[in-house]
Amino acid sequence: MTDAILVLVTAPSSDKAAELARTVVEEQLAACGNILPGLRSIYRWEGKVQDDAEALILFKTRTSLFDALRSRIVALHPYQVPEVLRVDVADGHAPYLAWILESTRPSP
């Protein structure tokens, strides 16, 4: 297991995704936010099946920053219930994992 995690967040548009990513990267809550535009999400919300265009952000950060990152995303996000999913990284390219740690705030 590493100290790196991947955090998945959907957003209503690529522009909103870029705004979220830029903010949390500038605040060093994440080392990187990759934006995947053109996502189509089909989901149940308030008793109805929805079919919407979205963008997906893949954030790379350290385990100890997850709570702060989640709180910041929830505060900035336009959705009432934003997707914020943590995926632990079991292993990876050591220099890349080191870069994640170097590019984020020290552990609180």
N, C-alpha and C. Protein backbone atom coordinates (compact mmCIF):
# COMPACT_ATOMS: atom_id res chain seq x y z
N MET A 1 0.85 -1.18 0.00
CA MET A 1 0.00 0.00 0.00
C MET A 1 0.89 1.24 0.00
N THR A 2 0.41 2.29 -0.66
CA THR A 2 1.14 3.55 -0.72
C THR A 2 0.38 4.61 0.05
N ASP A 3 0.95 5.81 0.14
CA ASP A 3 0.25 6.94 0.75
C ASP A 3 -0.57 7.69 -0.29
N ALA A 4 -0.55 7.24 -1.53
CA ALA A 4 -1.29 7.90 -2.61
C ALA A 4 -2.70 7.34 -2.72
N ILE A 5 -3.63 8.22 -3.07
CA ILE A 5 -5.00 7.80 -3.36
C ILE A 5 -5.47 8.50 -4.63
N LEU A 6 -6.48 7.93 -5.23
CA LEU A 6 -7.16 8.49 -6.38
C LEU A 6 -8.56 8.87 -5.90
N VAL A 7 -9.01 10.07 -6.23
CA VAL A 7 -10.34 10.53 -5.81
C VAL A 7 -11.12 10.88 -7.07
N LEU A 8 -12.27 10.23 -7.25
CA LEU A 8 -13.12 10.44 -8.41
C LEU A 8 -14.23 11.43 -8.06
N VAL A 9 -14.40 12.44 -8.92
CA VAL A 9 -15.42 13.47 -8.72
C VAL A 9 -16.05 13.77 -10.07
N THR A 10 -17.37 13.75 -10.14
CA THR A 10 -18.05 14.17 -11.36
C THR A 10 -18.45 15.63 -11.23
N ALA A 11 -18.57 16.30 -12.37
CA ALA A 11 -18.97 17.71 -12.41
C ALA A 11 -19.92 17.90 -13.59
N PRO A 12 -20.75 18.96 -13.55
CA PRO A 12 -21.74 19.15 -14.61
C PRO A 12 -21.16 19.59 -15.95
N SER A 13 -19.91 20.04 -15.97
CA SER A 13 -19.29 20.47 -17.22
C SER A 13 -17.77 20.43 -17.09
N SER A 14 -17.09 20.46 -18.23
CA SER A 14 -15.63 20.51 -18.21
C SER A 14 -15.14 21.80 -17.58
N ASP A 15 -15.86 22.90 -17.80
CA ASP A 15 -15.45 24.18 -17.21
C ASP A 15 -15.53 24.14 -15.69
N LYS A 16 -16.62 23.58 -15.16
CA LYS A 16 -16.75 23.48 -13.70
C LYS A 16 -15.71 22.51 -13.15
N ALA A 17 -15.44 21.43 -13.87
CA ALA A 17 -14.41 20.48 -13.45
C ALA A 17 -13.06 21.17 -13.39
N ALA A 18 -12.74 21.99 -14.39
CA ALA A 18 -11.47 22.70 -14.42
C ALA A 18 -11.38 23.69 -13.26
N GLU A 19 -12.46 24.35 -12.94
CA GLU A 19 -12.49 25.29 -11.81
C GLU A 19 -12.21 24.55 -10.50
N LEU A 20 -12.88 23.42 -10.31
CA LEU A 20 -12.65 22.62 -9.10
C LEU A 20 -11.21 22.13 -9.03
N ALA A 21 -10.72 21.60 -10.14
CA ALA A 21 -9.36 21.05 -10.16
C ALA A 21 -8.33 22.14 -9.90
N ARG A 22 -8.46 23.27 -10.56
CA ARG A 22 -7.50 24.36 -10.37
C ARG A 22 -7.47 24.82 -8.91
N THR A 23 -8.63 24.95 -8.30
CA THR A 23 -8.70 25.42 -6.92
C THR A 23 -7.99 24.47 -5.97
N VAL A 24 -8.30 23.18 -6.05
CA VAL A 24 -7.71 22.26 -5.07
C VAL A 24 -6.23 21.98 -5.35
N VAL A 25 -5.81 22.08 -6.61
CA VAL A 25 -4.38 21.93 -6.91
C VAL A 25 -3.63 23.16 -6.41
N GLU A 26 -4.19 24.36 -6.64
CA GLU A 26 -3.55 25.57 -6.12
C GLU A 26 -3.43 25.53 -4.59
N GLU A 27 -4.43 24.95 -3.94
CA GLU A 27 -4.42 24.84 -2.47
C GLU A 27 -3.60 23.65 -1.98
N GLN A 28 -2.98 22.93 -2.88
CA GLN A 28 -2.14 21.75 -2.61
C GLN A 28 -2.89 20.63 -1.88
N LEU A 29 -4.20 20.55 -2.13
CA LEU A 29 -4.98 19.43 -1.61
C LEU A 29 -4.88 18.23 -2.55
N ALA A 30 -4.47 18.48 -3.79
CA ALA A 30 -4.24 17.42 -4.76
C ALA A 30 -3.04 17.83 -5.61
N ALA A 31 -2.29 16.83 -6.07
CA ALA A 31 -1.15 17.10 -6.94
C ALA A 31 -1.60 17.34 -8.37
N CYS A 32 -2.73 16.73 -8.73
CA CYS A 32 -3.17 16.74 -10.12
C CYS A 32 -4.67 16.47 -10.17
N GLY A 33 -5.31 17.03 -11.17
CA GLY A 33 -6.70 16.70 -11.45
C GLY A 33 -6.84 16.49 -12.95
N ASN A 34 -7.02 15.25 -13.37
CA ASN A 34 -7.23 14.96 -14.79
C ASN A 34 -8.72 15.05 -15.08
N ILE A 35 -9.07 15.77 -16.15
CA ILE A 35 -10.47 15.97 -16.50
C ILE A 35 -10.80 15.16 -17.75
N LEU A 36 -11.80 14.32 -17.61
CA LEU A 36 -12.27 13.51 -18.73
C LEU A 36 -13.64 14.04 -19.15
N PRO A 37 -13.69 14.84 -20.23
CA PRO A 37 -14.98 15.39 -20.68
C PRO A 37 -15.78 14.34 -21.43
N GLY A 38 -17.02 14.67 -21.71
CA GLY A 38 -17.83 13.79 -22.55
C GLY A 38 -18.40 12.59 -21.84
N LEU A 39 -18.41 12.62 -20.53
CA LEU A 39 -18.97 11.52 -19.75
C LEU A 39 -20.49 11.57 -19.84
N ARG A 40 -21.12 10.45 -19.96
CA ARG A 40 -22.58 10.37 -19.93
C ARG A 40 -22.96 9.56 -18.71
N SER A 41 -23.73 10.17 -17.84
CA SER A 41 -24.12 9.51 -16.59
C SER A 41 -25.61 9.22 -16.58
N ILE A 42 -25.95 7.99 -16.32
CA ILE A 42 -27.34 7.58 -16.17
C ILE A 42 -27.48 7.09 -14.74
N TYR A 43 -28.36 7.73 -13.99
CA TYR A 43 -28.46 7.48 -12.55
C TYR A 43 -29.87 7.80 -12.06
N ARG A 44 -30.17 7.31 -10.88
CA ARG A 44 -31.46 7.58 -10.27
C ARG A 44 -31.29 8.74 -9.29
N TRP A 45 -32.14 9.75 -9.40
CA TRP A 45 -32.11 10.90 -8.50
C TRP A 45 -33.54 11.37 -8.26
N GLU A 46 -33.90 11.47 -6.99
CA GLU A 46 -35.23 11.90 -6.56
C GLU A 46 -36.33 11.09 -7.25
N GLY A 47 -36.12 9.77 -7.32
CA GLY A 47 -37.12 8.86 -7.83
C GLY A 47 -37.21 8.75 -9.34
N LYS A 48 -36.36 9.46 -10.06
CA LYS A 48 -36.41 9.43 -11.53
C LYS A 48 -35.05 9.04 -12.08
N VAL A 49 -35.06 8.38 -13.23
CA VAL A 49 -33.82 8.06 -13.91
C VAL A 49 -33.40 9.28 -14.73
N GLN A 50 -32.17 9.71 -14.50
CA GLN A 50 -31.61 10.89 -15.17
C GLN A 50 -30.59 10.43 -16.21
N ASP A 51 -30.38 11.25 -17.22
CA ASP A 51 -29.40 10.97 -18.28
C ASP A 51 -28.74 12.31 -18.61
N ASP A 52 -27.53 12.52 -18.07
CA ASP A 52 -26.88 13.82 -18.17
C ASP A 52 -25.45 13.73 -18.67
N ALA A 53 -25.01 14.79 -19.33
CA ALA A 53 -23.61 14.94 -19.70
C ALA A 53 -22.86 15.46 -18.47
N GLU A 54 -21.68 14.91 -18.23
CA GLU A 54 -20.85 15.33 -17.11
C GLU A 54 -19.38 15.24 -17.53
N ALA A 55 -18.53 15.68 -16.63
CA ALA A 55 -17.09 15.48 -16.77
C ALA A 55 -16.62 14.76 -15.51
N LEU A 56 -15.60 13.95 -15.64
CA LEU A 56 -15.04 13.22 -14.51
C LEU A 56 -13.66 13.78 -14.20
N ILE A 57 -13.41 14.03 -12.92
CA ILE A 57 -12.09 14.48 -12.48
C ILE A 57 -11.45 13.34 -11.71
N LEU A 58 -10.20 13.04 -12.05
CA LEU A 58 -9.41 12.06 -11.33
C LEU A 58 -8.34 12.83 -10.56
N PHE A 59 -8.52 12.95 -9.26
CA PHE A 59 -7.56 13.65 -8.42
C PHE A 59 -6.55 12.67 -7.87
N LYS A 60 -5.28 13.09 -7.82
CA LYS A 60 -4.24 12.31 -7.16
C LYS A 60 -3.79 13.09 -5.94
N THR A 61 -3.81 12.44 -4.78
CA THR A 61 -3.43 13.10 -3.55
C THR A 61 -2.90 12.07 -2.57
N ARG A 62 -2.64 12.54 -1.36
CA ARG A 62 -2.16 11.63 -0.31
C ARG A 62 -3.32 11.27 0.62
N THR A 63 -3.23 10.11 1.23
CA THR A 63 -4.28 9.60 2.10
C THR A 63 -4.68 10.59 3.17
N SER A 64 -3.70 11.22 3.80
CA SER A 64 -3.98 12.11 4.93
C SER A 64 -4.73 13.37 4.53
N LEU A 65 -4.81 13.68 3.23
CA LEU A 65 -5.51 14.88 2.78
C LEU A 65 -6.93 14.60 2.29
N PHE A 66 -7.35 13.34 2.35
CA PHE A 66 -8.68 13.00 1.81
C PHE A 66 -9.80 13.79 2.47
N ASP A 67 -9.83 13.84 3.79
CA ASP A 67 -10.93 14.54 4.48
C ASP A 67 -10.97 16.02 4.09
N ALA A 68 -9.82 16.67 4.04
CA ALA A 68 -9.77 18.09 3.66
C ALA A 68 -10.19 18.28 2.19
N LEU A 69 -9.72 17.39 1.32
CA LEU A 69 -10.09 17.47 -0.09
C LEU A 69 -11.60 17.28 -0.26
N ARG A 70 -12.14 16.27 0.39
CA ARG A 70 -13.58 16.01 0.29
C ARG A 70 -14.38 17.22 0.78
N SER A 71 -14.00 17.78 1.91
CA SER A 71 -14.70 18.95 2.45
C SER A 71 -14.66 20.13 1.48
N ARG A 72 -13.49 20.35 0.88
CA ARG A 72 -13.34 21.47 -0.05
C ARG A 72 -14.17 21.25 -1.30
N ILE A 73 -14.17 20.04 -1.83
CA ILE A 73 -14.98 19.74 -3.02
C ILE A 73 -16.46 19.94 -2.72
N VAL A 74 -16.91 19.43 -1.60
CA VAL A 74 -18.32 19.57 -1.22
C VAL A 74 -18.69 21.06 -1.09
N ALA A 75 -17.80 21.85 -0.53
CA ALA A 75 -18.07 23.29 -0.35
C ALA A 75 -18.14 24.03 -1.69
N LEU A 76 -17.33 23.62 -2.66
CA LEU A 76 -17.25 24.31 -3.95
C LEU A 76 -18.22 23.77 -5.01
N HIS A 77 -18.70 22.57 -4.82
CA HIS A 77 -19.43 21.85 -5.86
C HIS A 77 -20.88 22.33 -5.98
N PRO A 78 -21.40 22.43 -7.21
CA PRO A 78 -22.78 22.87 -7.39
C PRO A 78 -23.83 21.80 -7.09
N TYR A 79 -23.43 20.52 -7.04
CA TYR A 79 -24.41 19.46 -6.78
C TYR A 79 -24.78 19.40 -5.31
N GLN A 80 -26.00 19.02 -5.05
CA GLN A 80 -26.46 18.82 -3.68
C GLN A 80 -25.72 17.64 -3.03
N VAL A 81 -25.48 16.60 -3.82
CA VAL A 81 -24.78 15.42 -3.34
C VAL A 81 -23.68 15.06 -4.35
N PRO A 82 -22.53 15.72 -4.27
CA PRO A 82 -21.47 15.43 -5.24
C PRO A 82 -20.84 14.06 -5.02
N GLU A 83 -20.41 13.47 -6.11
CA GLU A 83 -19.65 12.22 -6.04
C GLU A 83 -18.23 12.54 -5.59
N VAL A 84 -17.81 11.91 -4.52
CA VAL A 84 -16.42 12.01 -4.05
C VAL A 84 -16.05 10.61 -3.57
N LEU A 85 -15.34 9.86 -4.40
CA LEU A 85 -15.01 8.47 -4.10
C LEU A 85 -13.50 8.31 -3.98
N ARG A 86 -13.06 7.70 -2.92
CA ARG A 86 -11.64 7.45 -2.70
C ARG A 86 -11.29 6.04 -3.14
N VAL A 87 -10.19 5.94 -3.89
CA VAL A 87 -9.66 4.65 -4.31
C VAL A 87 -8.21 4.59 -3.83
N ASP A 88 -7.91 3.64 -2.97
CA ASP A 88 -6.54 3.50 -2.48
C ASP A 88 -5.64 2.94 -3.57
N VAL A 89 -4.43 3.44 -3.62
CA VAL A 89 -3.45 3.01 -4.62
C VAL A 89 -2.52 1.99 -3.96
N ALA A 90 -2.58 0.76 -4.42
CA ALA A 90 -1.78 -0.31 -3.83
C ALA A 90 -0.31 -0.18 -4.19
N ASP A 91 -0.03 0.26 -5.41
CA ASP A 91 1.35 0.34 -5.87
C ASP A 91 1.39 1.25 -7.08
N GLY A 92 2.58 1.65 -7.50
CA GLY A 92 2.72 2.51 -8.66
C GLY A 92 4.18 2.79 -8.93
N HIS A 93 4.41 3.62 -9.92
CA HIS A 93 5.76 4.03 -10.30
C HIS A 93 6.31 4.94 -9.19
N ALA A 94 7.36 4.51 -8.52
CA ALA A 94 7.88 5.20 -7.33
C ALA A 94 8.13 6.69 -7.55
N PRO A 95 8.76 7.10 -8.65
CA PRO A 95 8.97 8.55 -8.85
C PRO A 95 7.65 9.33 -8.96
N TYR A 96 6.64 8.72 -9.56
CA TYR A 96 5.34 9.39 -9.67
C TYR A 96 4.69 9.50 -8.30
N LEU A 97 4.75 8.44 -7.52
CA LEU A 97 4.18 8.47 -6.17
C LEU A 97 4.89 9.52 -5.31
N ALA A 98 6.21 9.65 -5.47
CA ALA A 98 6.96 10.66 -4.74
C ALA A 98 6.54 12.06 -5.17
N TRP A 99 6.29 12.24 -6.47
CA TRP A 99 5.84 13.54 -6.98
C TRP A 99 4.51 13.94 -6.35
N ILE A 100 3.59 12.99 -6.18
CA ILE A 100 2.31 13.29 -5.53
C ILE A 100 2.56 13.86 -4.14
N LEU A 101 3.43 13.21 -3.39
CA LEU A 101 3.73 13.68 -2.03
C LEU A 101 4.41 15.05 -2.03
N GLU A 102 5.32 15.27 -2.97
CA GLU A 102 6.01 16.55 -3.07
C GLU A 102 5.10 17.70 -3.49
N SER A 103 4.03 17.38 -4.21
CA SER A 103 3.16 18.40 -4.78
C SER A 103 1.94 18.72 -3.94
N THR A 104 1.81 18.06 -2.81
CA THR A 104 0.66 18.30 -1.93
C THR A 104 1.15 18.81 -0.58
N ARG A 105 0.21 19.33 0.18
CA ARG A 105 0.52 19.81 1.53
C ARG A 105 1.09 18.68 2.36
N PRO A 106 1.94 19.01 3.30
CA PRO A 106 2.37 17.98 4.26
C PRO A 106 1.16 17.46 5.04
N SER A 107 1.30 16.27 5.55
CA SER A 107 0.20 15.67 6.33
C SER A 107 -0.14 16.57 7.51
N PRO A 108 -1.45 16.74 7.79
CA PRO A 108 -1.85 17.59 8.92
C PRO A 108 -1.46 17.01 10.26
